[in-house]
Amino acid sequence: MKHLLAILAATTALAGTAQAQEITEFNIGILGGENAQDRLTNQECFRAKIEETLGVPVKLFAPADYDGVIQGLLGGTIDYAWLGASAFAKIHLTDPNAVDLKLTKQNVDGSTGYYSIGFARADSGITSIEDAKGKVFAFADPNSTSGYLVPGAELIATYGPLEDYFAEVKMSGGHEQSIVGVHNGDFDAAVSWADGLGNWEDGYNSGAFRRAADAGLVDMNNLVEIWRSKMIPEGPMVIRSALPQDVKDKVTQLTADLWETDPECAYNVAAGDAKDFVPVDISAYEGVLAARKLQEGM
């Protein structure tokens, strides 16, 4: 990805220092999915690199839920974030000029998608969604693509109203909470996200399972996959549109080069192994935008 944006960067090079000085700080929002301290720790290397590049204080914000990042981008208190497709759709449908789409994660096989994975405890006797009927089922967050929007829609299409199919439907508050909750027996089954590549016992190559396994929160051998969605477009990295162009170019270039300049930091940002961060445009999210409109009755 190195030099991918070289032409764009060259067009703003002369204005670089002056435009960068138009901001006095830069704020990065981190979606929910794991506890706040782990989110901050995993992104610290990225924060420090952006701070060095822009020459202004850079802060990380880890709101309790997805909507905290969404409202921060809409309200101008957050400047940059890696969103899920559904969270981006909510922003775009609220204000199509709020953020610029920049990059997305490319998996080790070259794909730019991931899956919502249904799972249960390995000793529960639940090996399919049919086995989970009449059980307690958890989603992550109403604004999560893989933790609610997509699996909810697909399961409803097959099994009807979820409140009738499962004994109880809960919102765990995030992907980590869903994974740990099932592992600890708080929920019978749930959904979370992964690229679906590599080995289950590792938490796949990247995603929420990999984060939880790497952190020692769960033993993946105690869990079993029971369902998988259709492939979901990987969420975009977005930057607030109102920022100076030079700032947007510098941050985008830094991110695009990260797997080449600092693979360990890139691993932390990507929630596991990946190949690159590559350009993305709104055409990748047409299906999710349509689903979000339907969900909100627009």
Protein backbone atom coordinates (compact mmCIF):
# COMPACT_ATOMS: atom_id res chain seq x y z
CA MET A 1 0.00 0.00 0.00
CA LYS A 2 3.04 2.26 0.33
CA HIS A 3 2.85 5.25 -2.02
CA LEU A 4 -0.70 4.34 -3.00
CA LEU A 5 -1.75 7.88 -2.18
CA ALA A 6 1.43 9.54 -3.38
CA ILE A 7 -0.24 11.45 -6.18
CA LEU A 8 -2.94 12.75 -3.87
CA ALA A 9 -0.37 13.67 -1.27
CA ALA A 10 1.69 15.56 -3.83
CA THR A 11 -1.23 17.80 -4.68
CA THR A 12 -1.36 19.06 -1.10
CA ALA A 13 2.34 18.98 -0.23
CA LEU A 14 2.85 22.73 -0.61
CA ALA A 15 0.01 23.48 1.79
CA GLY A 16 1.06 20.79 4.29
CA THR A 17 2.39 22.66 7.30
CA ALA A 18 0.00 25.56 7.08
CA GLN A 19 -3.11 23.41 6.82
CA ALA A 20 -2.03 21.03 9.56
CA GLN A 21 -1.79 24.01 11.88
CA GLU A 22 -5.49 24.72 11.35
CA ILE A 23 -6.33 22.00 13.87
CA THR A 24 -5.27 22.05 17.52
CA GLU A 25 -6.09 18.42 18.34
CA PHE A 26 -7.21 15.21 16.68
CA ASN A 27 -9.58 12.65 18.21
CA ILE A 28 -9.87 8.97 17.31
CA GLY A 29 -13.02 7.04 18.20
CA ILE A 30 -12.90 3.31 18.89
CA LEU A 31 -16.09 1.27 18.51
CA GLY A 32 -17.21 -0.95 21.35
CA GLY A 33 -16.48 -4.63 21.21
CA GLU A 34 -13.98 -5.09 24.02
CA ASN A 35 -13.39 -3.40 27.34
CA ALA A 36 -12.32 0.22 27.15
CA GLN A 37 -8.81 -0.25 28.55
CA ASP A 38 -7.95 -2.98 26.04
CA ARG A 39 -9.28 -0.82 23.22
CA LEU A 40 -7.08 2.08 24.32
CA THR A 41 -4.02 -0.15 24.77
CA ASN A 42 -4.39 -1.78 21.34
CA GLN A 43 -4.68 1.59 19.60
CA GLU A 44 -1.95 3.46 21.51
CA CYS A 45 0.74 2.82 18.88
CA PHE A 46 -1.58 4.19 16.20
CA ARG A 47 -2.43 7.24 18.29
CA ALA A 48 1.25 8.03 18.82
CA LYS A 49 2.06 7.76 15.11
CA ILE A 50 -0.77 10.13 14.13
CA GLU A 51 0.28 12.58 16.83
CA GLU A 52 3.85 12.59 15.50
CA THR A 53 2.60 13.03 11.93
CA LEU A 54 0.16 15.86 12.62
CA GLY A 55 2.14 17.63 15.33
CA VAL A 56 -0.93 18.17 17.53
CA PRO A 57 -2.24 16.24 20.57
CA VAL A 58 -4.13 13.11 19.55
CA LYS A 59 -6.59 11.46 21.93
CA LEU A 60 -8.37 8.12 21.90
CA PHE A 61 -12.02 7.84 22.87
CA ALA A 62 -13.66 4.50 23.70
CA PRO A 63 -17.36 5.18 24.36
CA ALA A 64 -19.46 2.55 26.08
CA ASP A 65 -21.47 1.80 22.93
CA TYR A 66 -21.30 2.21 19.17
CA ASP A 67 -23.57 5.23 19.20
CA GLY A 68 -20.98 7.21 21.16
CA VAL A 69 -18.61 7.06 18.18
CA ILE A 70 -21.43 7.66 15.69
CA GLN A 71 -22.63 10.79 17.49
CA GLY A 72 -19.04 11.98 17.97
CA LEU A 73 -18.40 11.89 14.22
CA LEU A 74 -21.72 13.57 13.48
CA GLY A 75 -21.15 16.22 16.13
CA GLY A 76 -17.51 16.94 15.33
CA THR A 77 -16.01 15.73 18.61
CA ILE A 78 -14.44 12.66 16.95
CA ASP A 79 -12.33 13.01 13.81
CA TYR A 80 -11.42 9.48 12.75
CA ALA A 81 -12.73 5.97 13.33
CA TRP A 82 -12.88 2.46 11.94
CA LEU A 83 -16.60 1.80 11.73
CA GLY A 84 -18.70 -1.23 11.06
CA ALA A 85 -20.75 -1.01 7.87
CA SER A 86 -23.98 -0.50 9.82
CA ALA A 87 -22.51 2.30 11.93
CA PHE A 88 -21.30 4.00 8.76
CA ALA A 89 -24.77 3.56 7.23
CA LYS A 90 -26.36 5.31 10.21
CA ILE A 91 -23.97 8.25 9.82
CA HIS A 92 -24.47 8.46 6.06
CA LEU A 93 -28.25 8.31 6.33
CA THR A 94 -28.19 11.03 9.00
CA ASP A 95 -25.72 13.31 7.22
CA PRO A 96 -24.16 12.13 3.93
CA ASN A 97 -21.54 14.89 4.16
CA ALA A 98 -20.33 14.14 7.69
CA VAL A 99 -17.43 11.80 6.89
CA ASP A 100 -15.17 10.79 4.00
CA LEU A 101 -14.75 7.10 3.27
CA LYS A 102 -11.05 6.22 3.09
CA LEU A 103 -9.83 2.68 3.71
CA THR A 104 -10.92 -0.78 4.76
CA LYS A 105 -9.17 -3.92 5.97
CA GLN A 106 -7.99 -6.43 3.38
CA ASN A 107 -7.72 -10.01 4.64
CA VAL A 108 -4.73 -12.26 4.09
CA ASP A 109 -6.52 -13.91 1.16
CA GLY A 110 -7.18 -10.56 -0.53
CA SER A 111 -10.87 -10.40 0.38
CA THR A 112 -12.43 -7.38 2.09
CA GLY A 113 -15.25 -9.04 3.95
CA TYR A 114 -15.99 -10.93 7.14
CA TYR A 115 -18.74 -12.97 8.75
CA SER A 116 -21.14 -12.90 11.63
CA ILE A 117 -20.42 -16.15 13.46
CA GLY A 118 -22.98 -17.84 15.69
CA PHE A 119 -21.41 -19.79 18.55
CA ALA A 120 -22.12 -21.66 21.77
CA ARG A 121 -20.23 -23.54 24.46
CA ALA A 122 -18.77 -26.77 23.17
CA ASP A 123 -20.25 -28.70 26.09
CA SER A 124 -23.76 -27.22 25.68
CA GLY A 125 -25.01 -29.70 23.12
CA ILE A 126 -25.80 -26.78 20.79
CA THR A 127 -24.26 -27.38 17.38
CA SER A 128 -26.68 -25.42 15.18
CA ILE A 129 -29.13 -22.53 15.32
CA GLU A 130 -31.88 -25.13 15.41
CA ASP A 131 -30.38 -26.46 18.66
CA ALA A 132 -30.44 -22.92 20.06
CA LYS A 133 -34.21 -22.64 19.68
CA GLY A 134 -35.79 -21.87 23.04
CA LYS A 135 -32.44 -20.75 24.48
CA VAL A 136 -31.04 -17.38 25.58
CA PHE A 137 -29.40 -15.69 22.57
CA ALA A 138 -27.23 -12.56 22.63
CA PHE A 139 -26.49 -9.87 20.06
CA ALA A 140 -23.77 -7.27 20.60
CA ASP A 141 -25.13 -3.78 19.93
CA PRO A 142 -28.05 -2.33 17.91
CA ASN A 143 -25.56 -0.45 15.69
CA SER A 144 -23.30 -3.44 15.06
CA THR A 145 -23.34 -4.92 11.57
CA SER A 146 -22.16 -8.43 12.45
CA GLY A 147 -23.43 -8.25 16.00
CA TYR A 148 -27.03 -7.40 15.11
CA LEU A 149 -28.06 -5.98 11.71
CA VAL A 150 -26.98 -8.81 9.41
CA PRO A 151 -27.50 -11.83 11.67
CA GLY A 152 -30.81 -10.44 12.87
CA ALA A 153 -32.07 -10.00 9.31
CA GLU A 154 -30.84 -13.40 8.13
CA LEU A 155 -32.19 -15.28 11.13
CA ILE A 156 -35.57 -13.54 10.95
CA ALA A 157 -35.81 -14.41 7.25
CA THR A 158 -35.32 -18.09 8.08
CA TYR A 159 -36.88 -18.55 11.51
CA GLY A 160 -39.33 -15.67 11.94
CA PRO A 161 -39.49 -13.24 14.89
CA LEU A 162 -36.49 -13.87 17.11
CA GLU A 163 -38.42 -13.20 20.31
CA ASP A 164 -40.63 -16.17 19.39
CA TYR A 165 -37.78 -18.43 18.30
CA PHE A 166 -35.45 -17.91 21.24
CA ALA A 167 -36.47 -17.99 24.90
CA GLU A 168 -34.87 -14.57 25.36
CA VAL A 169 -32.96 -12.15 23.14
CA LYS A 170 -30.42 -9.90 24.84
CA MET A 171 -27.99 -7.13 23.89
CA SER A 172 -24.67 -7.93 25.56
CA GLY A 173 -23.18 -4.48 25.01
CA GLY A 174 -20.35 -5.54 22.71
CA HIS A 175 -18.58 -8.41 20.96
CA GLU A 176 -16.25 -9.15 23.85
CA GLN A 177 -19.20 -9.25 26.22
CA SER A 178 -20.97 -11.73 23.93
CA ILE A 179 -17.95 -14.01 23.66
CA VAL A 180 -17.11 -13.96 27.35
CA GLY A 181 -20.81 -14.23 28.23
CA VAL A 182 -21.25 -17.46 26.27
CA HIS A 183 -17.92 -18.80 27.53
CA ASN A 184 -19.03 -18.16 31.12
CA GLY A 185 -22.54 -19.50 30.63
CA ASP A 186 -24.42 -16.19 30.84
CA PHE A 187 -25.90 -16.75 27.36
CA ASP A 188 -26.59 -20.04 25.63
CA ALA A 189 -25.49 -18.72 22.23
CA ALA A 190 -24.57 -15.46 20.52
CA VAL A 191 -23.01 -13.93 17.42
CA SER A 192 -19.71 -12.13 16.94
CA TRP A 193 -17.38 -11.40 14.03
CA ALA A 194 -14.37 -12.95 12.32
CA ASP A 195 -12.75 -13.13 8.91
CA GLY A 196 -13.41 -16.87 8.92
CA LEU A 197 -9.83 -17.59 7.82
CA GLY A 198 -7.28 -19.68 9.68
CA ASN A 199 -8.10 -21.85 12.68
CA TRP A 200 -11.10 -21.68 15.01
CA GLU A 201 -8.91 -22.54 18.01
CA ASP A 202 -6.94 -19.32 17.36
CA GLY A 203 -10.09 -17.24 16.99
CA TYR A 204 -9.57 -17.25 13.21
CA ASN A 205 -7.02 -14.84 11.70
CA SER A 206 -8.72 -11.62 12.75
CA GLY A 207 -11.81 -10.38 14.50
CA ALA A 208 -13.41 -10.31 17.91
CA PHE A 209 -12.68 -13.98 18.64
CA ARG A 210 -8.99 -13.41 17.86
CA ARG A 211 -8.94 -10.37 20.17
CA ALA A 212 -10.52 -12.37 22.99
CA ALA A 213 -8.21 -15.35 22.47
CA ASP A 214 -5.08 -13.19 22.26
CA ALA A 215 -6.09 -11.43 25.49
CA GLY A 216 -6.54 -14.77 27.27
CA LEU A 217 -10.19 -14.05 27.99
CA VAL A 218 -11.45 -17.31 26.52
CA ASP A 219 -10.20 -20.70 25.39
CA MET A 220 -11.62 -21.13 21.90
CA ASN A 221 -11.64 -24.91 22.40
CA ASN A 222 -14.47 -24.33 24.87
CA LEU A 223 -16.60 -22.75 22.13
CA VAL A 224 -18.08 -24.09 18.91
CA GLU A 225 -19.29 -22.39 15.74
CA ILE A 226 -22.99 -23.07 15.08
CA TRP A 227 -23.87 -20.65 12.25
CA ARG A 228 -22.30 -18.31 9.72
CA SER A 229 -23.81 -15.38 7.82
CA LYS A 230 -23.24 -14.45 4.22
CA MET A 231 -20.08 -12.41 3.73
CA ILE A 232 -20.38 -8.85 5.06
CA PRO A 233 -18.41 -5.94 3.55
CA GLU A 234 -15.60 -4.95 5.90
CA GLY A 235 -16.34 -1.66 7.62
CA PRO A 236 -14.67 1.59 6.51
CA MET A 237 -12.12 3.82 8.12
CA VAL A 238 -13.65 7.28 7.93
CA ILE A 239 -12.44 10.79 8.65
CA ARG A 240 -14.51 13.87 9.36
CA SER A 241 -15.15 15.71 6.10
CA ALA A 242 -14.75 19.20 7.57
CA LEU A 243 -11.08 18.65 8.44
CA PRO A 244 -8.37 20.31 6.30
CA GLN A 245 -7.48 18.23 3.25
CA ASP A 246 -3.85 17.99 4.31
CA VAL A 247 -4.83 16.45 7.64
CA LYS A 248 -7.07 13.90 5.90
CA ASP A 249 -4.32 12.99 3.42
CA LYS A 250 -1.64 12.55 6.10
CA VAL A 251 -3.77 10.31 8.32
CA THR A 252 -4.97 8.24 5.37
CA GLN A 253 -1.44 7.75 4.03
CA LEU A 254 -0.12 6.76 7.46
CA THR A 255 -2.88 4.16 7.81
CA ALA A 256 -2.45 2.85 4.26
CA ASP A 257 1.28 2.25 4.92
CA LEU A 258 0.90 0.74 8.39
CA TRP A 259 1.33 -2.93 7.48
CA GLU A 260 4.63 -2.03 5.81
CA THR A 261 5.95 0.43 8.40
CA ASP A 262 4.84 -1.28 11.63
CA PRO A 263 3.20 -4.73 11.28
CA GLU A 264 2.81 -5.14 15.04
CA CYS A 265 0.85 -1.90 15.31
CA ALA A 266 -1.19 -2.84 12.23
CA TYR A 267 -2.04 -6.18 13.89
CA ASN A 268 -3.38 -4.29 16.92
CA VAL A 269 -5.45 -1.94 14.78
CA ALA A 270 -6.83 -4.75 12.57
CA ALA A 271 -7.73 -7.09 15.46
CA GLY A 272 -5.40 -9.77 14.11
CA ASP A 273 -3.63 -10.83 10.94
CA ALA A 274 -4.51 -9.06 7.71
CA LYS A 275 -2.82 -8.11 4.45
CA ASP A 276 -3.35 -4.38 4.10
CA PHE A 277 -5.61 -1.36 4.48
CA VAL A 278 -6.99 -0.53 1.03
CA PRO A 279 -9.23 2.16 -0.52
CA VAL A 280 -13.00 1.73 -0.37
CA ASP A 281 -15.98 3.67 -1.72
CA ILE A 282 -19.68 3.81 -0.98
CA SER A 283 -20.58 1.18 -3.57
CA ALA A 284 -19.31 -1.45 -1.11
CA TYR A 285 -22.07 -0.53 1.33
CA GLU A 286 -25.14 -0.24 -0.87
CA GLY A 287 -26.64 -3.43 0.57
CA VAL A 288 -26.02 -2.40 4.16
CA LEU A 289 -27.45 1.06 3.51
CA ALA A 290 -30.60 -0.54 2.13
CA ALA A 291 -30.86 -2.89 5.12
CA ARG A 292 -30.38 -0.02 7.55
CA LYS A 293 -33.09 2.01 5.81
CA LEU A 294 -35.43 -0.95 6.12
CA GLN A 295 -34.57 -1.44 9.78
CA GLU A 296 -35.30 2.20 10.57
CA GLY A 297 -38.43 2.37 8.42
CA MET A 298 -36.99 5.00 6.08
